[in-house]
Structures are given as structure tokens and as C-alpha cells.
Amino acid sequence: AQRTTYEISQDGNEVQLDEQLIKLAANSSAHRLTTNLYNKHVTMLRL
């Protein structure tokens, strides 16, 4: 689910901001792709 982190801060926090932002961008692209596919299928059915 979450690969082991390669860097841990001194307070024990394992969040890598760059890694989370990359995942967030990929998630946004997946949302855009799915909504486009959904809209195209609805348009096709209406036609």
C-alpha cells in the first residue's frame, strides 16, 4: 500500500512531500480521464 520510506525526519515523520505531490497529480489525471470517459459514453448513448 505504501512503500517503505527512504527518509524519516528527526521527529519520526515519514511523509515525503514530493512523493505525495506526485501521487496527487497522478490521482488528478485519473479523475480527469475517468470523467472524460464517462462523458463520452453518455454522449454516445444519447446519440
All heavy atoms as atom14 arrays in JSON, in Angstrom:
{
  "sequence": "AQRTTYEISQDGNEVQLDEQLIKLAANSSAHRLTTNLYNKHVTMLRL",
  "atom14_mask": [
    [1, 1, 1, 1, 1, 0, 0, 0, 0, 0, 0, 0, 0, 0],
    [1, 1, 1, 1, 1, 1, 1, 1, 1, 0, 0, 0, 0, 0],
    [1, 1, 1, 1, 1, 1, 1, 1, 1, 1, 1, 0, 0, 0],
    [1, 1, 1, 1, 1, 1, 1, 0, 0, 0, 0, 0, 0, 0],
    [1, 1, 1, 1, 1, 1, 1, 0, 0, 0, 0, 0, 0, 0],
    [1, 1, 1, 1, 1, 1, 1, 1, 1, 1, 1, 1, 0, 0],
    [1, 1, 1, 1, 1, 1, 1, 1, 1, 0, 0, 0, 0, 0],
    [1, 1, 1, 1, 1, 1, 1, 1, 0, 0, 0, 0, 0, 0],
    [1, 1, 1, 1, 1, 1, 0, 0, 0, 0, 0, 0, 0, 0],
    [1, 1, 1, 1, 1, 1, 1, 1, 1, 0, 0, 0, 0, 0],
    [1, 1, 1, 1, 1, 1, 1, 1, 0, 0, 0, 0, 0, 0],
    [1, 1, 1, 1, 0, 0, 0, 0, 0, 0, 0, 0, 0, 0],
    [1, 1, 1, 1, 1, 1, 1, 1, 0, 0, 0, 0, 0, 0],
    [1, 1, 1, 1, 1, 1, 1, 1, 1, 0, 0, 0, 0, 0],
    [1, 1, 1, 1, 1, 1, 1, 0, 0, 0, 0, 0, 0, 0],
    [1, 1, 1, 1, 1, 1, 1, 1, 1, 0, 0, 0, 0, 0],
    [1, 1, 1, 1, 1, 1, 1, 1, 0, 0, 0, 0, 0, 0],
    [1, 1, 1, 1, 1, 1, 1, 1, 0, 0, 0, 0, 0, 0],
    [1, 1, 1, 1, 1, 1, 1, 1, 1, 0, 0, 0, 0, 0],
    [1, 1, 1, 1, 1, 1, 1, 1, 1, 0, 0, 0, 0, 0],
    [1, 1, 1, 1, 1, 1, 1, 1, 0, 0, 0, 0, 0, 0],
    [1, 1, 1, 1, 1, 1, 1, 1, 0, 0, 0, 0, 0, 0],
    [1, 1, 1, 1, 1, 1, 1, 1, 1, 0, 0, 0, 0, 0],
    [1, 1, 1, 1, 1, 1, 1, 1, 0, 0, 0, 0, 0, 0],
    [1, 1, 1, 1, 1, 0, 0, 0, 0, 0, 0, 0, 0, 0],
    [1, 1, 1, 1, 1, 0, 0, 0, 0, 0, 0, 0, 0, 0],
    [1, 1, 1, 1, 1, 1, 1, 1, 0, 0, 0, 0, 0, 0],
    [1, 1, 1, 1, 1, 1, 0, 0, 0, 0, 0, 0, 0, 0],
    [1, 1, 1, 1, 1, 1, 0, 0, 0, 0, 0, 0, 0, 0],
    [1, 1, 1, 1, 1, 0, 0, 0, 0, 0, 0, 0, 0, 0],
    [1, 1, 1, 1, 1, 1, 1, 1, 1, 1, 0, 0, 0, 0],
    [1, 1, 1, 1, 1, 1, 1, 1, 1, 1, 1, 0, 0, 0],
    [1, 1, 1, 1, 1, 1, 1, 1, 0, 0, 0, 0, 0, 0],
    [1, 1, 1, 1, 1, 1, 1, 0, 0, 0, 0, 0, 0, 0],
    [1, 1, 1, 1, 1, 1, 1, 0, 0, 0, 0, 0, 0, 0],
    [1, 1, 1, 1, 1, 1, 1, 1, 0, 0, 0, 0, 0, 0],
    [1, 1, 1, 1, 1, 1, 1, 1, 0, 0, 0, 0, 0, 0],
    [1, 1, 1, 1, 1, 1, 1, 1, 1, 1, 1, 1, 0, 0],
    [1, 1, 1, 1, 1, 1, 1, 1, 0, 0, 0, 0, 0, 0],
    [1, 1, 1, 1, 1, 1, 1, 1, 1, 0, 0, 0, 0, 0],
    [1, 1, 1, 1, 1, 1, 1, 1, 1, 1, 0, 0, 0, 0],
    [1, 1, 1, 1, 1, 1, 1, 0, 0, 0, 0, 0, 0, 0],
    [1, 1, 1, 1, 1, 1, 1, 0, 0, 0, 0, 0, 0, 0],
    [1, 1, 1, 1, 1, 1, 1, 1, 0, 0, 0, 0, 0, 0],
    [1, 1, 1, 1, 1, 1, 1, 1, 0, 0, 0, 0, 0, 0],
    [1, 1, 1, 1, 1, 1, 1, 1, 1, 1, 1, 0, 0, 0],
    [1, 1, 1, 1, 1, 1, 1, 1, 0, 0, 0, 0, 0, 0]
  ],
  "atom14_positions": [
    [[0.83, -1.2, 0.0], [0.0, 0.0, 0.0], [0.87, 1.25, 0.0], [0.61, 2.2, -0.7], [-0.93, 0.0, 1.2], [0.0, 0.0, 0.0], [0.0, 0.0, 0.0], [0.0, 0.0, 0.0], [0.0, 0.0, 0.0], [0.0, 0.0, 0.0], [0.0, 0.0, 0.0], [0.0, 0.0, 0.0], [0.0, 0.0, 0.0], [0.0, 0.0, 0.0]],
    [[1.89, 1.26, 0.81], [2.82, 2.4, 0.88], [4.21, 1.81, 1.0], [4.5, 1.08, 1.93], [2.49, 3.27, 2.1], [3.46, 4.38, 2.38], [3.35, 5.51, 1.38], [2.27, 5.82, 0.92], [4.45, 6.13, 1.04], [0.0, 0.0, 0.0], [0.0, 0.0, 0.0], [0.0, 0.0, 0.0], [0.0, 0.0, 0.0], [0.0, 0.0, 0.0]],
    [[5.04, 2.11, 0.03], [6.38, 1.55, 0.1], [7.12, 2.12, 1.3], [6.77, 3.17, 1.81], [7.14, 1.83, -1.2], [7.48, 3.27, -1.4], [8.4, 3.41, -2.6], [8.68, 4.78, -2.88], [9.54, 5.53, -2.19], [10.16, 5.04, -1.17], [9.75, 6.78, -2.53], [0.0, 0.0, 0.0], [0.0, 0.0, 0.0], [0.0, 0.0, 0.0]],
    [[8.13, 1.43, 1.73], [8.87, 1.93, 2.87], [9.55, 3.23, 2.5], [10.03, 3.4, 1.38], [9.94, 0.9, 3.32], [10.76, 0.6, 2.21], [9.28, -0.36, 3.84], [0.0, 0.0, 0.0], [0.0, 0.0, 0.0], [0.0, 0.0, 0.0], [0.0, 0.0, 0.0], [0.0, 0.0, 0.0], [0.0, 0.0, 0.0], [0.0, 0.0, 0.0]],
    [[9.54, 4.14, 3.42], [10.09, 5.46, 3.13], [11.61, 5.4, 3.17], [12.21, 4.65, 3.92], [9.58, 6.5, 4.13], [9.89, 6.06, 5.44], [8.1, 6.68, 4.0], [0.0, 0.0, 0.0], [0.0, 0.0, 0.0], [0.0, 0.0, 0.0], [0.0, 0.0, 0.0], [0.0, 0.0, 0.0], [0.0, 0.0, 0.0], [0.0, 0.0, 0.0]],
    [[12.23, 6.21, 2.35], [13.68, 6.23, 2.29], [14.27, 7.3, 3.17], [15.46, 7.4, 3.31], [14.15, 6.41, 0.83], [13.59, 7.62, 0.15], [14.24, 8.84, 0.22], [12.4, 7.56, -0.56], [13.73, 9.96, -0.4], [11.89, 8.67, -1.19], [12.56, 9.87, -1.1], [12.04, 10.97, -1.72], [0.0, 0.0, 0.0], [0.0, 0.0, 0.0]],
    [[13.41, 8.11, 3.76], [13.9, 9.18, 4.6], [12.88, 9.45, 5.7], [11.69, 9.57, 5.45], [14.09, 10.44, 3.76], [14.7, 11.59, 4.49], [14.91, 12.77, 3.55], [15.38, 12.58, 2.43], [14.59, 13.89, 3.97], [0.0, 0.0, 0.0], [0.0, 0.0, 0.0], [0.0, 0.0, 0.0], [0.0, 0.0, 0.0], [0.0, 0.0, 0.0]],
    [[13.35, 9.53, 6.93], [12.49, 9.83, 8.07], [13.06, 11.05, 8.77], [14.26, 11.13, 9.01], [12.42, 8.64, 9.06], [11.85, 7.4, 8.36], [11.59, 8.98, 10.28], [11.88, 6.15, 9.19], [0.0, 0.0, 0.0], [0.0, 0.0, 0.0], [0.0, 0.0, 0.0], [0.0, 0.0, 0.0], [0.0, 0.0, 0.0], [0.0, 0.0, 0.0]],
    [[12.2, 12.01, 9.07], [12.68, 13.22, 9.73], [13.06, 12.92, 11.17], [12.78, 11.86, 11.71], [11.61, 14.32, 9.67], [10.49, 13.94, 10.4], [0.0, 0.0, 0.0], [0.0, 0.0, 0.0], [0.0, 0.0, 0.0], [0.0, 0.0, 0.0], [0.0, 0.0, 0.0], [0.0, 0.0, 0.0], [0.0, 0.0, 0.0], [0.0, 0.0, 0.0]],
    [[13.68, 13.89, 11.83], [14.13, 13.68, 13.2], [12.98, 13.47, 14.18], [13.15, 12.82, 15.2], [14.98, 14.87, 13.65], [16.31, 14.93, 12.92], [17.14, 16.12, 13.37], [16.67, 17.0, 14.07], [18.39, 16.13, 12.94], [0.0, 0.0, 0.0], [0.0, 0.0, 0.0], [0.0, 0.0, 0.0], [0.0, 0.0, 0.0], [0.0, 0.0, 0.0]],
    [[11.81, 14.02, 13.88], [10.67, 13.82, 14.78], [9.89, 12.54, 14.46], [8.86, 12.29, 15.04], [9.74, 15.03, 14.75], [9.15, 15.3, 13.38], [9.49, 14.57, 12.43], [8.33, 16.23, 13.27], [0.0, 0.0, 0.0], [0.0, 0.0, 0.0], [0.0, 0.0, 0.0], [0.0, 0.0, 0.0], [0.0, 0.0, 0.0], [0.0, 0.0, 0.0]],
    [[10.37, 11.72, 13.53], [9.74, 10.44, 13.23], [8.7, 10.51, 12.13], [8.05, 9.52, 11.83], [0.0, 0.0, 0.0], [0.0, 0.0, 0.0], [0.0, 0.0, 0.0], [0.0, 0.0, 0.0], [0.0, 0.0, 0.0], [0.0, 0.0, 0.0], [0.0, 0.0, 0.0], [0.0, 0.0, 0.0], [0.0, 0.0, 0.0], [0.0, 0.0, 0.0]],
    [[8.53, 11.65, 11.5], [7.56, 11.8, 10.43], [8.1, 11.16, 9.15], [9.23, 11.42, 8.76], [7.26, 13.28, 10.2], [6.12, 13.5, 9.24], [6.09, 12.93, 8.17], [5.18, 14.32, 9.65], [0.0, 0.0, 0.0], [0.0, 0.0, 0.0], [0.0, 0.0, 0.0], [0.0, 0.0, 0.0], [0.0, 0.0, 0.0], [0.0, 0.0, 0.0]],
    [[7.28, 10.33, 8.5], [7.73, 9.62, 7.31], [7.13, 10.16, 6.02], [7.26, 9.55, 4.96], [7.4, 8.14, 7.44], [8.11, 7.48, 8.6], [7.8, 6.0, 8.71], [7.31, 5.42, 7.73], [8.05, 5.43, 9.77], [0.0, 0.0, 0.0], [0.0, 0.0, 0.0], [0.0, 0.0, 0.0], [0.0, 0.0, 0.0], [0.0, 0.0, 0.0]],
    [[6.45, 11.28, 6.06], [5.82, 11.85, 4.87], [6.87, 12.53, 4.0], [7.6, 13.39, 4.47], [4.72, 12.86, 5.26], [4.13, 13.51, 4.01], [3.64, 12.21, 6.07], [0.0, 0.0, 0.0], [0.0, 0.0, 0.0], [0.0, 0.0, 0.0], [0.0, 0.0, 0.0], [0.0, 0.0, 0.0], [0.0, 0.0, 0.0], [0.0, 0.0, 0.0]],
    [[6.94, 12.11, 2.74], [7.8, 12.76, 1.76], [6.9, 13.61, 0.88], [6.07, 13.09, 0.12], [8.54, 11.72, 0.92], [9.45, 10.83, 1.72], [10.54, 11.64, 2.4], [11.14, 12.51, 1.77], [10.79, 11.37, 3.64], [0.0, 0.0, 0.0], [0.0, 0.0, 0.0], [0.0, 0.0, 0.0], [0.0, 0.0, 0.0], [0.0, 0.0, 0.0]],
    [[7.02, 14.91, 1.0], [6.11, 15.83, 0.32], [6.16, 15.67, -1.19], [5.11, 15.65, -1.85], [6.44, 17.26, 0.72], [5.44, 18.32, 0.3], [4.06, 18.01, 0.87], [5.9, 19.69, 0.75], [0.0, 0.0, 0.0], [0.0, 0.0, 0.0], [0.0, 0.0, 0.0], [0.0, 0.0, 0.0], [0.0, 0.0, 0.0], [0.0, 0.0, 0.0]],
    [[7.35, 15.51, -1.76], [7.44, 15.36, -3.21], [6.75, 14.09, -3.7], [6.06, 14.08, -4.71], [8.9, 15.4, -3.67], [9.77, 14.38, -2.98], [9.35, 13.83, -1.94], [10.9, 14.14, -3.46], [0.0, 0.0, 0.0], [0.0, 0.0, 0.0], [0.0, 0.0, 0.0], [0.0, 0.0, 0.0], [0.0, 0.0, 0.0], [0.0, 0.0, 0.0]],
    [[6.89, 13.01, -2.94], [6.24, 11.75, -3.3], [4.72, 11.89, -3.23], [4.0, 11.41, -4.12], [6.72, 10.66, -2.35], [6.13, 9.31, -2.58], [6.62, 8.3, -1.57], [7.04, 8.7, -0.47], [6.56, 7.11, -1.89], [0.0, 0.0, 0.0], [0.0, 0.0, 0.0], [0.0, 0.0, 0.0], [0.0, 0.0, 0.0], [0.0, 0.0, 0.0]],
    [[4.22, 12.55, -2.2], [2.77, 12.73, -2.05], [2.21, 13.63, -3.14], [1.1, 13.4, -3.64], [2.45, 13.3, -0.67], [2.85, 12.4, 0.49], [2.16, 11.05, 0.45], [0.97, 10.96, 0.19], [2.92, 9.99, 0.69], [0.0, 0.0, 0.0], [0.0, 0.0, 0.0], [0.0, 0.0, 0.0], [0.0, 0.0, 0.0], [0.0, 0.0, 0.0]],
    [[2.96, 14.64, -3.55], [2.5, 15.53, -4.61], [2.47, 14.82, -5.96], [1.58, 15.08, -6.78], [3.38, 16.79, -4.67], [3.22, 17.75, -3.49], [4.24, 18.87, -3.58], [1.81, 18.3, -3.43], [0.0, 0.0, 0.0], [0.0, 0.0, 0.0], [0.0, 0.0, 0.0], [0.0, 0.0, 0.0], [0.0, 0.0, 0.0], [0.0, 0.0, 0.0]],
    [[3.41, 13.93, -6.2], [3.4, 13.14, -7.43], [2.18, 12.23, -7.45], [1.49, 12.1, -8.47], [4.71, 12.33, -7.57], [5.87, 13.28, -7.87], [4.59, 11.26, -8.64], [7.23, 12.64, -7.8], [0.0, 0.0, 0.0], [0.0, 0.0, 0.0], [0.0, 0.0, 0.0], [0.0, 0.0, 0.0], [0.0, 0.0, 0.0], [0.0, 0.0, 0.0]],
    [[1.89, 11.59, -6.33], [0.7, 10.74, -6.24], [-0.58, 11.56, -6.43], [-1.53, 11.11, -7.06], [0.65, 10.02, -4.9], [1.68, 8.93, -4.75], [1.54, 8.27, -3.4], [2.56, 7.18, -3.22], [2.37, 6.48, -1.93], [0.0, 0.0, 0.0], [0.0, 0.0, 0.0], [0.0, 0.0, 0.0], [0.0, 0.0, 0.0], [0.0, 0.0, 0.0]],
    [[-0.59, 12.76, -5.88], [-1.75, 13.64, -6.01], [-1.97, 14.04, -7.48], [-3.1, 14.07, -7.96], [-1.55, 14.87, -5.14], [-2.77, 15.63, -4.67], [-3.69, 14.74, -3.87], [-2.34, 16.81, -3.83], [0.0, 0.0, 0.0], [0.0, 0.0, 0.0], [0.0, 0.0, 0.0], [0.0, 0.0, 0.0], [0.0, 0.0, 0.0], [0.0, 0.0, 0.0]],
    [[-0.9, 14.32, -8.19], [-1.01, 14.67, -9.61], [-1.49, 13.48, -10.43], [-2.33, 13.62, -11.33], [0.34, 15.16, -10.14], [0.0, 0.0, 0.0], [0.0, 0.0, 0.0], [0.0, 0.0, 0.0], [0.0, 0.0, 0.0], [0.0, 0.0, 0.0], [0.0, 0.0, 0.0], [0.0, 0.0, 0.0], [0.0, 0.0, 0.0], [0.0, 0.0, 0.0]],
    [[-1.0, 12.28, -10.13], [-1.46, 11.08, -10.82], [-2.94, 10.82, -10.53], [-3.69, 10.4, -11.41], [-0.61, 9.88, -10.41], [0.0, 0.0, 0.0], [0.0, 0.0, 0.0], [0.0, 0.0, 0.0], [0.0, 0.0, 0.0], [0.0, 0.0, 0.0], [0.0, 0.0, 0.0], [0.0, 0.0, 0.0], [0.0, 0.0, 0.0], [0.0, 0.0, 0.0]],
    [[-3.34, 11.07, -9.31], [-4.74, 10.89, -8.93], [-5.63, 11.88, -9.66], [-6.73, 11.54, -10.12], [-4.88, 11.05, -7.41], [-6.14, 10.46, -6.89], [-6.46, 9.31, -7.16], [-6.87, 11.24, -6.11], [0.0, 0.0, 0.0], [0.0, 0.0, 0.0], [0.0, 0.0, 0.0], [0.0, 0.0, 0.0], [0.0, 0.0, 0.0], [0.0, 0.0, 0.0]],
    [[-5.17, 13.11, -9.82], [-5.92, 14.12, -10.57], [-6.06, 13.72, -12.03], [-7.13, 13.89, -12.63], [-5.22, 15.47, -10.45], [-5.86, 16.44, -11.22], [0.0, 0.0, 0.0], [0.0, 0.0, 0.0], [0.0, 0.0, 0.0], [0.0, 0.0, 0.0], [0.0, 0.0, 0.0], [0.0, 0.0, 0.0], [0.0, 0.0, 0.0], [0.0, 0.0, 0.0]],
    [[-5.02, 13.17, -12.61], [-5.08, 12.7, -14.0], [-6.05, 11.54, -14.15], [-6.78, 11.46, -15.13], [-3.69, 12.26, -14.48], [-2.82, 13.36, -14.51], [0.0, 0.0, 0.0], [0.0, 0.0, 0.0], [0.0, 0.0, 0.0], [0.0, 0.0, 0.0], [0.0, 0.0, 0.0], [0.0, 0.0, 0.0], [0.0, 0.0, 0.0], [0.0, 0.0, 0.0]],
    [[-6.07, 10.64, -13.17], [-7.01, 9.52, -13.19], [-8.44, 10.01, -13.11], [-9.34, 9.48, -13.79], [-6.71, 8.55, -12.05], [0.0, 0.0, 0.0], [0.0, 0.0, 0.0], [0.0, 0.0, 0.0], [0.0, 0.0, 0.0], [0.0, 0.0, 0.0], [0.0, 0.0, 0.0], [0.0, 0.0, 0.0], [0.0, 0.0, 0.0], [0.0, 0.0, 0.0]],
    [[-8.69, 11.04, -12.3], [-10.03, 11.62, -12.2], [-10.45, 12.24, -13.52], [-11.57, 12.03, -14.0], [-10.06, 12.66, -11.08], [-11.4, 13.28, -10.9], [-11.8, 14.39, -11.59], [-12.45, 12.92, -10.11], [-13.03, 14.71, -11.24], [-13.44, 13.83, -10.34], [0.0, 0.0, 0.0], [0.0, 0.0, 0.0], [0.0, 0.0, 0.0], [0.0, 0.0, 0.0]],
    [[-9.56, 13.0, -14.13], [-9.86, 13.65, -15.41], [-10.15, 12.61, -16.49], [-11.1, 12.74, -17.27], [-8.69, 14.54, -15.81], [-8.98, 15.48, -16.93], [-7.84, 16.47, -17.23], [-7.16, 16.97, -16.04], [-5.91, 16.66, -15.7], [-5.19, 15.87, -16.44], [-5.36, 17.16, -14.6], [0.0, 0.0, 0.0], [0.0, 0.0, 0.0], [0.0, 0.0, 0.0]],
    [[-9.35, 11.55, -16.55], [-9.54, 10.5, -17.53], [-10.89, 9.81, -17.34], [-11.63, 9.59, -18.3], [-8.4, 9.48, -17.45], [-8.56, 8.23, -18.32], [-8.41, 8.61, -19.79], [-7.56, 7.18, -17.92], [0.0, 0.0, 0.0], [0.0, 0.0, 0.0], [0.0, 0.0, 0.0], [0.0, 0.0, 0.0], [0.0, 0.0, 0.0], [0.0, 0.0, 0.0]],
    [[-11.23, 9.49, -16.11], [-12.48, 8.79, -15.84], [-13.69, 9.65, -16.16], [-14.66, 9.17, -16.74], [-12.53, 8.33, -14.36], [-11.36, 7.54, -14.08], [-13.75, 7.5, -14.09], [0.0, 0.0, 0.0], [0.0, 0.0, 0.0], [0.0, 0.0, 0.0], [0.0, 0.0, 0.0], [0.0, 0.0, 0.0], [0.0, 0.0, 0.0], [0.0, 0.0, 0.0]],
    [[-13.64, 10.93, -15.8], [-14.79, 11.79, -16.11], [-14.93, 11.99, -17.62], [-16.05, 12.03, -18.13], [-14.67, 13.16, -15.41], [-13.42, 13.75, -15.72], [-14.84, 13.03, -13.92], [0.0, 0.0, 0.0], [0.0, 0.0, 0.0], [0.0, 0.0, 0.0], [0.0, 0.0, 0.0], [0.0, 0.0, 0.0], [0.0, 0.0, 0.0], [0.0, 0.0, 0.0]],
    [[-13.82, 12.09, -18.34], [-13.89, 12.19, -19.8], [-14.49, 10.94, -20.42], [-15.33, 11.02, -21.32], [-12.52, 12.47, -20.4], [-12.05, 13.89, -20.18], [-12.85, 14.78, -19.89], [-10.76, 14.11, -20.28], [0.0, 0.0, 0.0], [0.0, 0.0, 0.0], [0.0, 0.0, 0.0], [0.0, 0.0, 0.0], [0.0, 0.0, 0.0], [0.0, 0.0, 0.0]],
    [[-14.07, 9.76, -19.95], [-14.63, 8.52, -20.46], [-16.12, 8.42, -20.15], [-16.92, 7.99, -20.98], [-13.89, 7.31, -19.88], [-12.49, 7.06, -20.41], [-11.81, 5.95, -19.64], [-12.55, 6.72, -21.89], [0.0, 0.0, 0.0], [0.0, 0.0, 0.0], [0.0, 0.0, 0.0], [0.0, 0.0, 0.0], [0.0, 0.0, 0.0], [0.0, 0.0, 0.0]],
    [[-16.51, 8.81, -18.96], [-17.91, 8.78, -18.56], [-18.73, 9.69, -19.47], [-19.77, 9.29, -20.0], [-18.05, 9.22, -17.1], [-19.42, 9.03, -16.52], [-19.76, 7.85, -15.87], [-20.38, 10.03, -16.61], [-21.01, 7.66, -15.33], [-21.64, 9.86, -16.08], [-21.95, 8.67, -15.44], [-23.19, 8.49, -14.91], [0.0, 0.0, 0.0], [0.0, 0.0, 0.0]],
    [[-18.26, 10.91, -19.68], [-18.97, 11.85, -20.54], [-19.06, 11.35, -21.98], [-20.11, 11.51, -22.63], [-18.3, 13.22, -20.51], [-18.55, 13.92, -19.2], [-19.53, 13.68, -18.53], [-17.63, 14.8, -18.83], [0.0, 0.0, 0.0], [0.0, 0.0, 0.0], [0.0, 0.0, 0.0], [0.0, 0.0, 0.0], [0.0, 0.0, 0.0], [0.0, 0.0, 0.0]],
    [[-18.0, 10.75, -22.5], [-18.02, 10.23, -23.86], [-19.02, 9.09, -24.0], [-19.74, 8.99, -25.0], [-16.63, 9.75, -24.3], [-15.62, 10.85, -24.42], [-15.99, 11.81, -25.54], [-14.94, 12.9, -25.67], [-15.28, 13.89, -26.66], [0.0, 0.0, 0.0], [0.0, 0.0, 0.0], [0.0, 0.0, 0.0], [0.0, 0.0, 0.0], [0.0, 0.0, 0.0]],
    [[-19.11, 8.21, -23.0], [-20.08, 7.12, -23.05], [-21.51, 7.64, -22.98], [-22.39, 7.14, -23.68], [-19.81, 6.1, -21.93], [-18.79, 5.1, -22.29], [-17.44, 5.31, -22.14], [-18.91, 3.85, -22.81], [-16.78, 4.26, -22.54], [-17.65, 3.35, -22.96], [0.0, 0.0, 0.0], [0.0, 0.0, 0.0], [0.0, 0.0, 0.0], [0.0, 0.0, 0.0]],
    [[-21.76, 8.62, -22.14], [-23.1, 9.19, -22.05], [-23.47, 9.87, -23.36], [-24.6, 9.71, -23.86], [-23.2, 10.17, -20.85], [-24.49, 10.97, -20.91], [-23.1, 9.42, -19.54], [0.0, 0.0, 0.0], [0.0, 0.0, 0.0], [0.0, 0.0, 0.0], [0.0, 0.0, 0.0], [0.0, 0.0, 0.0], [0.0, 0.0, 0.0], [0.0, 0.0, 0.0]],
    [[-22.54, 10.59, -23.97], [-22.79, 11.23, -25.26], [-23.09, 10.18, -26.34], [-24.01, 10.34, -27.14], [-21.59, 12.09, -25.68], [-21.34, 13.06, -24.66], [-21.82, 12.78, -27.01], [0.0, 0.0, 0.0], [0.0, 0.0, 0.0], [0.0, 0.0, 0.0], [0.0, 0.0, 0.0], [0.0, 0.0, 0.0], [0.0, 0.0, 0.0], [0.0, 0.0, 0.0]],
    [[-22.34, 9.1, -26.33], [-22.55, 8.02, -27.3], [-23.94, 7.4, -27.12], [-24.65, 7.14, -28.09], [-21.46, 6.96, -27.15], [-21.59, 5.81, -28.12], [-20.31, 4.57, -27.89], [-20.69, 3.97, -26.26], [0.0, 0.0, 0.0], [0.0, 0.0, 0.0], [0.0, 0.0, 0.0], [0.0, 0.0, 0.0], [0.0, 0.0, 0.0], [0.0, 0.0, 0.0]],
    [[-24.35, 7.18, -25.88], [-25.66, 6.6, -25.62], [-26.78, 7.55, -26.05], [-27.79, 7.12, -26.58], [-25.79, 6.25, -24.14], [-24.97, 5.06, -23.68], [-25.01, 4.93, -22.16], [-25.48, 3.79, -24.33], [0.0, 0.0, 0.0], [0.0, 0.0, 0.0], [0.0, 0.0, 0.0], [0.0, 0.0, 0.0], [0.0, 0.0, 0.0], [0.0, 0.0, 0.0]],
    [[-26.59, 8.84, -25.8], [-27.6, 9.82, -26.22], [-27.73, 9.85, -27.74], [-28.84, 9.97, -28.27], [-27.26, 11.2, -25.69], [-27.55, 11.34, -24.22], [-27.28, 12.75, -23.77], [-27.65, 12.89, -22.36], [-27.32, 13.93, -21.64], [-26.64, 14.93, -22.17], [-27.69, 14.0, -20.37], [0.0, 0.0, 0.0], [0.0, 0.0, 0.0], [0.0, 0.0, 0.0]],
    [[-26.63, 9.77, -28.43], [-26.68, 9.73, -29.89], [-27.35, 8.45, -30.38], [-28.1, 8.46, -31.37], [-25.27, 9.84, -30.48], [-24.62, 11.21, -30.41], [-23.17, 11.14, -30.85], [-25.38, 12.2, -31.27], [0.0, 0.0, 0.0], [0.0, 0.0, 0.0], [0.0, 0.0, 0.0], [0.0, 0.0, 0.0], [0.0, 0.0, 0.0], [0.0, 0.0, 0.0]]
  ]
}
